[in-house]
């Protein structure tokens, strides 16, 4: 799939393809009155009544989403780091300092202070929720760090193989919203702790598109899109996030907003990671229109197009107005045209 970085109208893409068909049909310019002919075309197709969908096709990237950085607390030596691609879930070691694990907890608040008996606040409740999820009991999940909470913390620390203090200090655990996938190491085993350790992402692959702001009107949260992985492979996705801040383009790159697309069937993605894809957004639907293959269009003297209507052993050319182009077909309207009529097309 070449040229995935260039945003182009799906309609235009079809026109280019159709152009070859039009050239084959001998387009070039001409007049506008129906003319009867006796020579039959090499093949025919029926005029259909259908719904045509306009799409805007843009380039995107399939990957694991936004990258964040995990930093280790100062003091000690990094003795173990996860490898790129490792998935780390709640309770598992994110890294080790002085051979002691620093486990992963889920939440939104970092451990910014020492939590001990008597501490109160939302960070206490976050800790207790994690302890409960890890199977520790005997305390109430609330905003108060009680003696029972301290007992559960000691049990947890014993299982981790660290000092059983009954307290949780800054740097003793790492907090993320959910499980993570390691992207790249930023430190090495043997380095002093106290800086970036590794980068990480979510564990679900998404598609990100830098969408030209002039096409922003086409995108709505929750809208369905088609993702083209290869020329023969497509899957469905849903717009989950639309950036609110436009990014200024440089050179030929337009000003854009970042659009995030969730992929419903992760198994359809195979082993794709950090791969270019095409995303087709719906620009509009034209319902209950007459349509023919693009190759059925014939240039008219003086400009415009017509179709060669086949009736028995004779043909006549009828001038048409063209509408939307979609997937090799074109919307047409013209005097006397009806669903089911046959028109000439190249073989």
Protein backbone atom coordinates (compact mmCIF):
# COMPACT_ATOMS: atom_id res chain seq x y z
CA UNK A 1 0.00 0.00 0.00
CA UNK A 2 1.92 2.99 -1.31
CA UNK A 3 1.23 6.63 -0.58
CA UNK A 4 -0.64 6.03 2.68
CA UNK A 5 0.47 9.33 4.09
CA UNK A 6 -1.34 11.37 1.40
CA UNK A 7 -4.95 12.27 2.23
CA UNK A 8 -7.19 12.12 -0.81
CA UNK A 9 -10.88 12.04 -1.51
CA UNK A 10 -12.21 8.54 -2.05
CA UNK A 11 -14.26 10.11 -4.79
CA UNK A 12 -11.14 11.40 -6.45
CA UNK A 13 -9.54 8.01 -6.14
CA UNK A 14 -12.44 6.49 -8.01
CA UNK A 15 -12.29 9.20 -10.63
CA UNK A 16 -8.66 8.35 -11.33
CA UNK A 17 -9.53 4.70 -11.70
CA UNK A 18 -12.59 5.63 -13.70
CA UNK A 19 -10.45 7.85 -15.91
CA UNK A 20 -8.83 4.82 -17.44
CA UNK A 21 -12.28 3.39 -18.12
CA UNK A 22 -13.43 6.67 -19.63
CA UNK A 23 -10.40 6.83 -21.89
CA UNK A 24 -11.12 3.30 -23.01
CA UNK A 25 -14.62 4.43 -23.88
CA UNK A 26 -13.21 7.24 -26.04
CA UNK A 27 -13.93 10.30 -23.90
CA UNK A 28 -12.76 13.65 -25.06
CA UNK A 29 -15.61 16.15 -25.63
CA UNK A 30 -18.79 16.38 -27.70
CA UNK A 31 -22.46 17.29 -28.17
CA UNK A 32 -25.62 16.51 -26.30
CA UNK A 33 -28.59 15.12 -28.34
CA UNK A 34 -29.55 11.42 -28.37
CA UNK A 35 -28.18 9.69 -31.46
CA UNK A 36 -29.22 6.21 -32.71
CA UNK A 37 -26.51 3.74 -33.74
CA UNK A 38 -26.58 0.23 -35.09
CA UNK A 39 -23.18 -0.95 -33.78
CA UNK A 40 -23.62 -2.80 -30.50
CA UNK A 41 -21.10 -2.29 -27.67
CA UNK A 42 -18.84 -5.19 -26.68
CA UNK A 43 -20.70 -5.67 -23.37
CA UNK A 44 -23.61 -4.23 -21.39
CA UNK A 45 -24.56 -3.50 -17.78
CA UNK A 46 -27.89 -2.66 -16.20
CA UNK A 47 -28.75 0.73 -14.77
CA UNK A 48 -29.21 0.11 -11.04
CA UNK A 49 -31.20 1.99 -8.41
CA UNK A 50 -29.04 1.95 -5.33
CA UNK A 51 -27.33 3.88 -2.54
CA UNK A 52 -23.85 5.23 -3.21
CA UNK A 53 -21.53 6.18 -0.37
CA UNK A 54 -18.88 8.88 -0.67
CA UNK A 55 -15.75 8.20 1.36
CA UNK A 56 -12.72 10.22 2.40
CA UNK A 57 -9.63 8.01 2.46
CA UNK A 58 -6.71 9.11 4.62
CA UNK A 59 -3.51 7.57 5.84
CA UNK A 60 -3.16 6.43 9.44
CA UNK A 61 -0.93 4.35 11.68
CA UNK A 62 -1.86 1.12 13.43
CA UNK A 63 -0.05 0.85 16.76
CA UNK A 64 -0.64 0.49 20.49
CA UNK A 65 -1.59 4.11 21.06
CA UNK A 66 -0.03 6.95 23.00
CA UNK A 67 3.37 6.32 24.56
CA UNK A 68 4.07 7.22 28.19
CA UNK A 69 7.26 7.03 30.24
CA UNK A 70 7.80 5.03 33.43
CA UNK A 71 10.39 6.61 35.72
CA UNK A 72 12.04 4.89 38.65
CA UNK A 73 12.38 6.57 42.02
CA UNK A 74 15.82 7.76 43.04
CA UNK A 75 18.09 5.62 45.19
CA UNK A 76 19.35 2.11 44.53
CA UNK A 77 20.24 0.26 41.36
CA UNK A 78 18.02 -1.09 38.60
CA UNK A 79 18.44 -4.86 38.72
CA UNK A 80 15.65 -5.94 36.35
CA UNK A 81 13.72 -4.30 33.51
CA UNK A 82 10.95 -5.75 31.35
CA UNK A 83 11.62 -6.43 27.68
CA UNK A 84 9.81 -4.56 24.89
CA UNK A 85 6.45 -6.20 24.19
CA UNK A 86 6.00 -7.41 27.78
CA UNK A 87 2.48 -6.93 29.15
CA UNK A 88 2.39 -5.97 32.83
CA UNK A 89 -0.83 -6.28 34.84
CA UNK A 90 -1.80 -5.29 38.36
CA UNK A 91 0.44 -6.74 41.05
CA UNK A 92 3.21 -7.76 38.65
CA UNK A 93 6.67 -6.20 38.87
CA UNK A 94 7.14 -3.16 36.63
CA UNK A 95 10.89 -3.21 37.37
CA UNK A 96 13.22 -4.08 40.25
CA UNK A 97 15.47 -1.86 42.36
CA UNK A 98 18.17 -3.57 44.45
CA UNK A 99 16.47 -6.82 43.42
CA UNK A 100 13.19 -5.78 45.08
CA UNK A 101 10.08 -5.60 42.84
CA UNK A 102 8.23 -2.36 42.24
CA UNK A 103 4.70 -3.63 41.51
CA UNK A 104 2.11 -2.10 39.19
CA UNK A 105 -1.14 -0.79 40.67
CA UNK A 106 -4.16 0.60 38.83
CA UNK A 107 -5.44 4.12 39.36
CA UNK A 108 -5.06 7.77 38.46
CA UNK A 109 -3.08 9.10 41.43
CA UNK A 110 0.66 8.49 41.74
CA UNK A 111 1.95 7.52 45.17
CA UNK A 112 3.09 11.02 46.06
CA UNK A 113 3.22 10.64 49.86
CA UNK A 114 3.72 7.97 52.51
CA UNK A 115 0.49 6.14 53.28
CA UNK A 116 0.28 4.75 56.81
CA UNK A 117 -2.19 4.24 59.65
CA UNK A 118 -4.21 7.44 60.01
CA UNK A 119 -3.76 8.64 56.41
CA UNK A 120 -6.93 9.76 54.69
CA UNK A 121 -7.80 10.64 51.12
CA UNK A 122 -8.65 9.31 47.64
CA UNK A 123 -5.15 7.82 47.30
CA UNK A 124 -5.89 5.60 50.31
CA UNK A 125 -9.08 4.34 48.70
CA UNK A 126 -7.14 3.70 45.47
CA UNK A 127 -4.58 1.60 47.40
CA UNK A 128 -7.30 -0.37 49.21
CA UNK A 129 -9.11 -1.08 45.94
CA UNK A 130 -5.91 -2.54 44.55
CA UNK A 131 -5.29 -4.64 47.67
CA UNK A 132 -8.82 -5.98 47.43
CA UNK A 133 -8.41 -6.78 43.72
CA UNK A 134 -5.19 -8.66 44.56
CA UNK A 135 -7.07 -10.83 47.07
CA UNK A 136 -6.25 -9.19 50.40
CA UNK A 137 -9.11 -8.82 52.90
CA UNK A 138 -9.95 -7.75 56.43
CA UNK A 139 -10.31 -4.00 55.79
CA UNK A 140 -12.97 -1.63 54.47
CA UNK A 141 -12.39 0.09 51.15
CA UNK A 142 -12.76 3.74 52.03
CA UNK A 143 -10.63 6.86 52.38
CA UNK A 144 -9.12 5.88 55.73
CA UNK A 145 -5.88 3.91 56.19
CA UNK A 146 -6.79 1.83 59.23
CA UNK A 147 -4.87 -0.70 61.30
CA UNK A 148 -6.60 -3.39 59.24
CA UNK A 149 -5.29 -1.72 56.07
CA UNK A 150 -1.78 -1.78 57.54
CA UNK A 151 -2.12 -5.51 58.23
CA UNK A 152 -3.16 -6.15 54.62
CA UNK A 153 -0.22 -4.05 53.39
CA UNK A 154 2.19 -6.15 55.50
CA UNK A 155 0.76 -9.35 53.98
CA UNK A 156 1.22 -7.87 50.51
CA UNK A 157 4.78 -6.80 51.30
CA UNK A 158 5.58 -10.29 52.61
CA UNK A 159 4.36 -11.82 49.37
CA UNK A 160 6.48 -9.34 47.40
CA UNK A 161 9.56 -10.16 49.44
CA UNK A 162 10.11 -6.58 50.62
CA UNK A 163 10.32 -5.08 54.11
CA UNK A 164 7.02 -5.53 55.99
CA UNK A 165 6.54 -1.96 57.19
CA UNK A 166 2.78 -1.66 56.82
CA UNK A 167 3.42 1.61 55.00
CA UNK A 168 3.45 2.48 51.31
CA UNK A 169 6.06 5.06 50.30
CA UNK A 170 6.63 7.04 47.10
CA UNK A 171 8.51 4.90 44.59
CA UNK A 172 7.41 1.60 46.15
CA UNK A 173 4.81 1.00 43.42
CA UNK A 174 4.00 2.30 39.95
CA UNK A 175 0.46 3.46 39.10
CA UNK A 176 -1.21 3.34 35.68
CA UNK A 177 -4.85 3.34 34.63
CA UNK A 178 -4.76 -0.27 33.45
CA UNK A 179 -2.37 -2.99 32.29
CA UNK A 180 0.44 -1.78 30.07
CA UNK A 181 2.67 -2.99 27.26
CA UNK A 182 6.37 -2.11 27.33
CA UNK A 183 7.45 -0.20 24.22
CA UNK A 184 11.15 0.61 24.68
CA UNK A 185 13.74 0.46 27.43
CA UNK A 186 15.15 3.84 28.44
CA UNK A 187 17.65 2.49 30.97
CA UNK A 188 19.80 -0.60 31.42
CA UNK A 189 20.21 -3.10 34.23
CA UNK A 190 22.93 -1.73 36.47
CA UNK A 191 21.96 1.93 35.99
CA UNK A 192 21.19 4.00 39.04
CA UNK A 193 17.48 4.35 39.67
CA UNK A 194 16.03 7.82 39.43
CA UNK A 195 15.11 8.49 35.82
CA UNK A 196 13.22 7.10 32.82
CA UNK A 197 13.15 3.30 32.97
CA UNK A 198 11.01 2.44 29.91
CA UNK A 199 8.19 3.70 27.73
CA UNK A 200 4.85 1.95 27.58
CA UNK A 201 1.48 1.96 25.83
CA UNK A 202 -1.89 0.35 26.28
CA UNK A 203 -2.33 -3.29 25.30
CA UNK A 204 -4.96 -2.75 22.61
CA UNK A 205 -4.02 -1.68 19.10
CA UNK A 206 -5.66 1.45 17.74
CA UNK A 207 -5.37 3.52 14.58
CA UNK A 208 -4.30 7.15 14.78
CA UNK A 209 -4.93 9.58 11.95
CA UNK A 210 -3.61 13.11 11.57
CA UNK A 211 -6.71 14.44 9.82
CA UNK A 212 -6.57 17.60 7.71
CA UNK A 213 -8.79 20.11 9.55
CA UNK A 214 -10.78 20.80 6.38
CA UNK A 215 -12.14 17.24 6.65
CA UNK A 216 -12.90 17.43 10.38
CA UNK A 217 -16.61 17.87 9.66
CA UNK A 218 -16.69 14.30 8.33
CA UNK A 219 -15.65 12.77 11.66
CA UNK A 220 -17.90 12.24 14.67
CA UNK A 221 -17.20 10.32 17.85
CA UNK A 222 -18.77 6.88 17.58
CA UNK A 223 -18.75 6.89 13.77
CA UNK A 224 -17.90 3.66 11.99
CA UNK A 225 -14.97 3.59 9.57
CA UNK A 226 -13.32 1.02 7.33
CA UNK A 227 -9.63 0.26 7.90
CA UNK A 228 -7.66 -1.09 4.95
CA UNK A 229 -4.75 -3.18 6.20
CA UNK A 230 -3.65 -4.39 2.76
CA UNK A 231 -5.22 -4.30 -0.69
CA UNK A 232 -7.18 -7.45 0.21
CA UNK A 233 -7.70 -7.06 3.96
CA UNK A 234 -10.09 -4.65 5.68
CA UNK A 235 -11.66 -4.43 9.13
CA UNK A 236 -14.08 -2.12 10.91
CA UNK A 237 -13.25 0.54 13.47
CA UNK A 238 -14.98 3.17 15.59
CA UNK A 239 -13.88 6.77 16.19
CA UNK A 240 -13.26 7.07 19.94
CA UNK A 241 -11.40 10.37 20.26
CA UNK A 242 -11.05 13.56 18.24
CA UNK A 243 -8.30 15.95 19.21
CA UNK A 244 -9.36 19.41 20.34
CA UNK A 245 -6.06 21.10 19.54
CA UNK A 246 -4.99 21.44 15.91
CA UNK A 247 -1.37 20.73 15.03
CA UNK A 248 0.28 23.22 12.72
CA UNK A 249 1.61 21.63 9.56
CA UNK A 250 5.03 22.25 8.05
CA UNK A 251 5.84 22.55 4.36
CA UNK A 252 3.23 20.63 2.37
CA UNK A 253 1.72 19.04 5.49
CA UNK A 254 -1.70 20.54 6.36
CA UNK A 255 -2.89 21.65 9.79
CA UNK A 256 -4.43 18.57 11.36
CA UNK A 257 -6.22 17.10 14.37
CA UNK A 258 -5.45 13.69 15.79
CA UNK A 259 -8.24 11.13 15.51
CA UNK A 260 -8.12 7.84 17.44
CA UNK A 261 -9.96 4.79 16.12
CA UNK A 262 -10.69 1.64 18.11
CA UNK A 263 -10.43 -1.64 16.21
CA UNK A 264 -13.25 -4.04 17.05
CA UNK A 265 -11.66 -7.33 16.05
CA UNK A 266 -8.11 -7.33 17.35
CA UNK A 267 -7.56 -10.86 16.01
CA UNK A 268 -8.19 -9.52 12.49
CA UNK A 269 -4.99 -7.48 12.85
CA UNK A 270 -2.73 -10.52 13.03
CA UNK A 271 0.78 -9.49 14.01
CA UNK A 272 0.54 -5.96 12.57
CA UNK A 273 2.28 -3.43 14.81
CA UNK A 274 3.31 0.11 13.92
CA UNK A 275 2.01 -0.34 10.39
CA UNK A 276 0.62 2.21 7.88
CA UNK A 277 -3.06 1.75 7.00
CA UNK A 278 -5.77 3.59 5.07
CA UNK A 279 -8.95 4.73 6.81
CA UNK A 280 -12.17 5.43 4.90
CA UNK A 281 -14.50 7.95 6.55
CA UNK A 282 -18.08 8.30 5.24
CA UNK A 283 -18.45 11.70 3.59
CA UNK A 284 -22.07 11.27 2.51
CA UNK A 285 -24.73 8.85 1.31
CA UNK A 286 -26.77 9.26 -1.87
CA UNK A 287 -29.85 7.04 -1.57
CA UNK A 288 -32.24 5.87 -4.28
CA UNK A 289 -30.11 7.02 -7.21
CA UNK A 290 -29.52 5.53 -10.66
CA UNK A 291 -25.98 4.25 -11.13
CA UNK A 292 -23.86 2.63 -13.83
CA UNK A 293 -20.25 1.43 -14.02
CA UNK A 294 -17.86 4.34 -14.55
CA UNK A 295 -16.76 2.75 -17.85
CA UNK A 296 -20.28 3.27 -19.24
CA UNK A 297 -19.73 7.03 -19.50
CA UNK A 298 -19.14 8.30 -23.03
CA UNK A 299 -17.80 11.79 -23.82
CA UNK A 300 -20.20 14.10 -25.63
CA UNK A 301 -19.29 16.64 -28.36
CA UNK A 302 -19.06 20.05 -26.71
CA UNK A 303 -18.51 18.63 -23.24
CA UNK A 304 -20.27 16.47 -20.70
CA UNK A 305 -21.02 12.78 -20.72
CA UNK A 306 -23.62 10.38 -21.94
CA UNK A 307 -24.44 6.67 -21.78
CA UNK A 308 -25.05 4.32 -24.68
CA UNK A 309 -28.51 2.82 -24.06
CA UNK A 310 -28.91 -0.60 -25.72
CA UNK A 311 -32.37 -1.61 -26.92
CA UNK A 312 -32.50 -4.85 -28.85
CA UNK A 313 -30.14 -4.52 -31.79
CA UNK A 314 -29.90 -0.73 -31.64
CA UNK A 315 -28.27 1.80 -29.38
CA UNK A 316 -28.84 5.45 -28.61
CA UNK A 317 -26.68 7.87 -26.68
CA UNK A 318 -28.40 9.78 -23.88
CA UNK A 319 -26.73 12.79 -22.27
CA UNK A 320 -26.43 12.47 -18.47
CA UNK A 321 -25.54 14.51 -15.44
CA UNK A 322 -23.08 12.74 -13.20
CA UNK A 323 -23.20 12.75 -9.42
CA UNK A 324 -21.09 10.88 -6.86
CA UNK A 325 -18.45 8.33 -7.87
CA UNK A 326 -18.12 5.34 -5.54
CA UNK A 327 -16.46 1.93 -5.82
CA UNK A 328 -16.32 1.94 -9.61
CA UNK A 329 -19.87 3.21 -10.11
CA UNK A 330 -21.24 6.67 -10.85
CA UNK A 331 -24.58 8.33 -10.13
CA UNK A 332 -26.39 9.48 -13.29
CA UNK A 333 -29.56 11.32 -14.20
CA UNK A 334 -31.00 12.02 -17.65
CA UNK A 335 -34.14 12.11 -19.76
CA UNK A 336 -35.83 8.73 -20.18
CA UNK A 337 -33.37 6.74 -18.06
CA UNK A 338 -34.82 4.04 -15.80
CA UNK A 339 -33.71 1.18 -13.58
CA UNK A 340 -33.07 -2.03 -15.53
CA UNK A 341 -32.13 -0.39 -18.84
CA UNK A 342 -28.94 -1.74 -20.41
CA UNK A 343 -25.98 0.49 -21.21
CA UNK A 344 -22.82 -0.25 -23.13
CA UNK A 345 -19.58 -0.88 -21.26
CA UNK A 346 -16.07 -1.96 -22.30
CA UNK A 347 -15.29 -5.66 -21.91
